[in-house]
N, C-alpha and C. Protein backbone atom coordinates (compact mmCIF):
# COMPACT_ATOMS: atom_id res chain seq x y z
N UNK A 1 106.30 61.95 94.77
CA UNK A 1 104.98 62.56 94.76
C UNK A 1 104.27 62.14 93.47
N UNK A 2 103.00 61.81 93.58
CA UNK A 2 102.25 61.37 92.41
C UNK A 2 101.92 62.54 91.50
N UNK A 3 101.65 62.23 90.25
CA UNK A 3 101.26 63.27 89.28
C UNK A 3 99.98 63.96 89.72
N UNK A 4 99.07 63.21 90.33
CA UNK A 4 97.82 63.81 90.81
C UNK A 4 98.12 64.84 91.89
N UNK A 5 98.96 64.46 92.85
CA UNK A 5 99.30 65.37 93.94
C UNK A 5 100.05 66.59 93.41
N UNK A 6 100.97 66.38 92.47
CA UNK A 6 101.70 67.51 91.89
C UNK A 6 100.74 68.51 91.25
N UNK A 7 99.83 67.99 90.41
CA UNK A 7 98.88 68.86 89.74
C UNK A 7 97.98 69.58 90.74
N UNK A 8 97.51 68.83 91.75
CA UNK A 8 96.62 69.40 92.75
C UNK A 8 97.29 70.56 93.48
N UNK A 9 98.51 70.34 93.91
CA UNK A 9 99.24 71.39 94.63
C UNK A 9 99.54 72.59 93.73
N UNK A 10 99.95 72.32 92.49
CA UNK A 10 100.23 73.39 91.54
C UNK A 10 98.97 74.22 91.27
N UNK A 11 97.82 73.56 91.33
CA UNK A 11 96.55 74.24 91.08
C UNK A 11 95.98 74.91 92.32
N UNK A 12 96.65 74.74 93.47
CA UNK A 12 96.20 75.37 94.70
C UNK A 12 94.98 74.72 95.33
N UNK A 13 94.81 73.43 95.06
CA UNK A 13 93.66 72.70 95.59
C UNK A 13 94.07 71.84 96.78
N UNK A 14 93.16 71.68 97.70
CA UNK A 14 93.35 70.72 98.79
C UNK A 14 92.83 69.37 98.32
N UNK A 15 93.12 68.34 99.09
CA UNK A 15 92.55 67.03 98.77
C UNK A 15 91.02 67.09 98.84
N UNK A 16 90.48 67.85 99.78
CA UNK A 16 89.03 67.99 99.89
C UNK A 16 88.45 68.67 98.66
N UNK A 17 89.15 69.70 98.15
CA UNK A 17 88.69 70.39 96.94
C UNK A 17 88.64 69.43 95.76
N UNK A 18 89.71 68.66 95.60
CA UNK A 18 89.77 67.72 94.48
C UNK A 18 88.72 66.63 94.63
N UNK A 19 88.50 66.20 95.85
CA UNK A 19 87.47 65.18 96.09
C UNK A 19 86.10 65.68 95.61
N UNK A 20 85.80 66.92 95.91
CA UNK A 20 84.51 67.49 95.48
C UNK A 20 84.44 67.53 93.96
N UNK A 21 85.50 67.97 93.32
CA UNK A 21 85.51 68.08 91.85
C UNK A 21 85.39 66.72 91.17
N UNK A 22 85.87 65.68 91.84
CA UNK A 22 85.79 64.34 91.26
C UNK A 22 84.55 63.57 91.72
N UNK A 23 83.77 64.18 92.61
CA UNK A 23 82.53 63.54 93.05
C UNK A 23 82.71 62.54 94.18
N UNK A 24 83.82 62.64 94.93
CA UNK A 24 84.03 61.76 96.07
C UNK A 24 83.37 62.35 97.31
N UNK A 25 83.08 61.49 98.26
CA UNK A 25 82.44 61.94 99.50
C UNK A 25 83.45 62.48 100.51
N UNK A 26 84.72 62.06 100.38
CA UNK A 26 85.72 62.53 101.33
C UNK A 26 87.08 62.63 100.66
N UNK A 27 87.98 63.34 101.31
CA UNK A 27 89.33 63.52 100.80
C UNK A 27 90.15 62.24 100.93
N UNK A 28 89.69 61.31 101.75
CA UNK A 28 90.43 60.06 101.96
C UNK A 28 90.61 59.30 100.64
N UNK A 29 89.64 59.38 99.77
CA UNK A 29 89.72 58.70 98.48
C UNK A 29 90.84 59.32 97.63
N UNK A 30 90.93 60.64 97.63
CA UNK A 30 92.00 61.33 96.91
C UNK A 30 93.35 60.93 97.50
N UNK A 31 93.44 60.91 98.81
CA UNK A 31 94.67 60.51 99.47
C UNK A 31 95.11 59.12 99.04
N UNK A 32 94.17 58.20 98.99
CA UNK A 32 94.46 56.82 98.59
C UNK A 32 94.95 56.76 97.14
N UNK A 33 94.37 57.57 96.26
CA UNK A 33 94.83 57.61 94.87
C UNK A 33 96.23 58.20 94.78
N UNK A 34 96.46 59.26 95.54
CA UNK A 34 97.75 59.94 95.49
C UNK A 34 98.90 59.08 96.03
N UNK A 35 98.63 58.31 97.06
CA UNK A 35 99.73 57.52 97.65
C UNK A 35 99.81 56.09 97.10
N UNK A 36 98.96 55.78 96.14
CA UNK A 36 99.02 54.48 95.49
C UNK A 36 98.33 53.36 96.24
N UNK A 37 97.62 53.69 97.30
CA UNK A 37 96.91 52.66 98.07
C UNK A 37 95.70 52.13 97.30
N UNK A 38 95.23 52.92 96.35
CA UNK A 38 94.07 52.52 95.55
C UNK A 38 94.41 52.72 94.07
N UNK A 39 94.05 51.74 93.27
CA UNK A 39 94.30 51.84 91.83
C UNK A 39 93.28 52.78 91.20
N UNK A 40 93.73 53.58 90.26
CA UNK A 40 92.85 54.50 89.55
C UNK A 40 92.05 53.69 88.53
N UNK A 41 90.73 53.77 88.60
CA UNK A 41 89.89 53.07 87.63
C UNK A 41 90.00 53.77 86.28
N UNK A 42 89.59 53.08 85.24
CA UNK A 42 89.61 53.68 83.90
C UNK A 42 88.73 54.94 83.86
N UNK A 43 87.57 54.85 84.47
CA UNK A 43 86.65 56.00 84.49
C UNK A 43 87.25 57.18 85.24
N UNK A 44 87.93 56.89 86.36
CA UNK A 44 88.53 57.96 87.14
C UNK A 44 89.72 58.55 86.39
N UNK A 45 90.48 57.73 85.70
CA UNK A 45 91.61 58.24 84.91
C UNK A 45 91.11 59.22 83.85
N UNK A 46 90.01 58.89 83.22
CA UNK A 46 89.42 59.78 82.21
C UNK A 46 88.94 61.07 82.86
N UNK A 47 88.29 60.96 84.02
CA UNK A 47 87.81 62.15 84.72
C UNK A 47 88.96 63.06 85.13
N UNK A 48 90.05 62.47 85.60
CA UNK A 48 91.21 63.26 86.02
C UNK A 48 91.87 63.91 84.80
N UNK A 49 91.96 63.17 83.70
CA UNK A 49 92.52 63.73 82.47
C UNK A 49 91.71 64.95 82.04
N UNK A 50 90.40 64.83 82.06
CA UNK A 50 89.54 65.97 81.68
C UNK A 50 89.71 67.14 82.63
N UNK A 51 89.70 66.86 83.93
CA UNK A 51 89.81 67.91 84.93
C UNK A 51 91.13 68.67 84.81
N UNK A 52 92.20 67.95 84.50
CA UNK A 52 93.52 68.57 84.41
C UNK A 52 93.86 69.04 83.00
N UNK A 53 92.89 68.97 82.11
CA UNK A 53 93.11 69.34 80.69
C UNK A 53 94.30 68.60 80.10
N UNK A 54 94.44 67.33 80.46
CA UNK A 54 95.48 66.48 79.90
C UNK A 54 96.83 66.56 80.58
N UNK A 55 96.98 67.42 81.59
CA UNK A 55 98.27 67.51 82.29
C UNK A 55 98.58 66.20 83.02
N UNK A 56 97.55 65.56 83.54
CA UNK A 56 97.69 64.23 84.13
C UNK A 56 96.87 63.32 83.23
N UNK A 57 97.55 62.69 82.29
CA UNK A 57 96.86 61.93 81.24
C UNK A 57 96.44 60.53 81.70
N UNK A 58 95.52 59.97 80.95
CA UNK A 58 95.08 58.61 81.20
C UNK A 58 96.28 57.66 81.16
N UNK A 59 97.15 57.84 80.17
CA UNK A 59 98.29 56.92 80.02
C UNK A 59 99.29 57.05 81.17
N UNK A 60 99.34 58.22 81.81
CA UNK A 60 100.21 58.38 82.98
C UNK A 60 99.63 57.61 84.17
N UNK A 61 98.32 57.71 84.33
CA UNK A 61 97.66 57.07 85.46
C UNK A 61 97.47 55.57 85.26
N UNK A 62 97.21 55.19 84.02
CA UNK A 62 96.96 53.79 83.68
C UNK A 62 97.71 53.43 82.40
N UNK A 63 98.99 53.06 82.52
CA UNK A 63 99.78 52.73 81.32
C UNK A 63 99.13 51.66 80.44
N UNK A 64 98.32 50.81 81.04
CA UNK A 64 97.64 49.78 80.25
C UNK A 64 96.59 50.37 79.32
N UNK A 65 96.23 51.64 79.52
CA UNK A 65 95.25 52.32 78.67
C UNK A 65 95.94 53.37 77.80
N UNK A 66 97.17 53.09 77.39
CA UNK A 66 97.97 54.06 76.65
C UNK A 66 97.33 54.54 75.36
N UNK A 67 96.42 53.76 74.80
CA UNK A 67 95.81 54.15 73.53
C UNK A 67 94.49 54.91 73.69
N UNK A 68 94.08 55.20 74.91
CA UNK A 68 92.85 55.95 75.16
C UNK A 68 93.12 57.44 75.01
N UNK A 69 92.32 58.10 74.23
CA UNK A 69 92.44 59.55 74.07
C UNK A 69 91.16 60.18 74.56
N UNK A 70 91.29 61.20 75.38
CA UNK A 70 90.15 61.87 75.97
C UNK A 70 89.79 63.09 75.13
N UNK A 71 88.55 63.16 74.76
CA UNK A 71 88.04 64.32 74.01
C UNK A 71 87.26 65.16 74.98
N UNK A 72 87.64 66.42 75.13
CA UNK A 72 86.94 67.28 76.08
C UNK A 72 85.54 67.59 75.56
N UNK A 73 84.63 67.78 76.48
CA UNK A 73 83.26 68.10 76.12
C UNK A 73 83.22 69.51 75.55
N UNK A 74 82.46 69.69 74.51
CA UNK A 74 82.32 71.02 73.91
C UNK A 74 81.18 71.77 74.56
N UNK A 75 81.39 73.03 74.77
CA UNK A 75 80.32 73.87 75.35
C UNK A 75 79.20 74.02 74.33
N UNK A 76 77.96 74.02 74.80
CA UNK A 76 76.83 74.13 73.85
C UNK A 76 76.80 75.48 73.16
């Protein structure tokens, strides 16, 4: 099971729920990311890292980006 799927299930989200939170039009995109049919883009890795508060890190999703650190947005 992928780290994305583990986090999603632990958080009580469906693929459709996660798709909405990530700005996808359908759950099929989440499914493709979870089963490895689609590579996670750098931008998506950062978005997932932010959404999961670092539980699914950029370096987990994209080992080639091991030196990228995500800074969460501060509330105004």
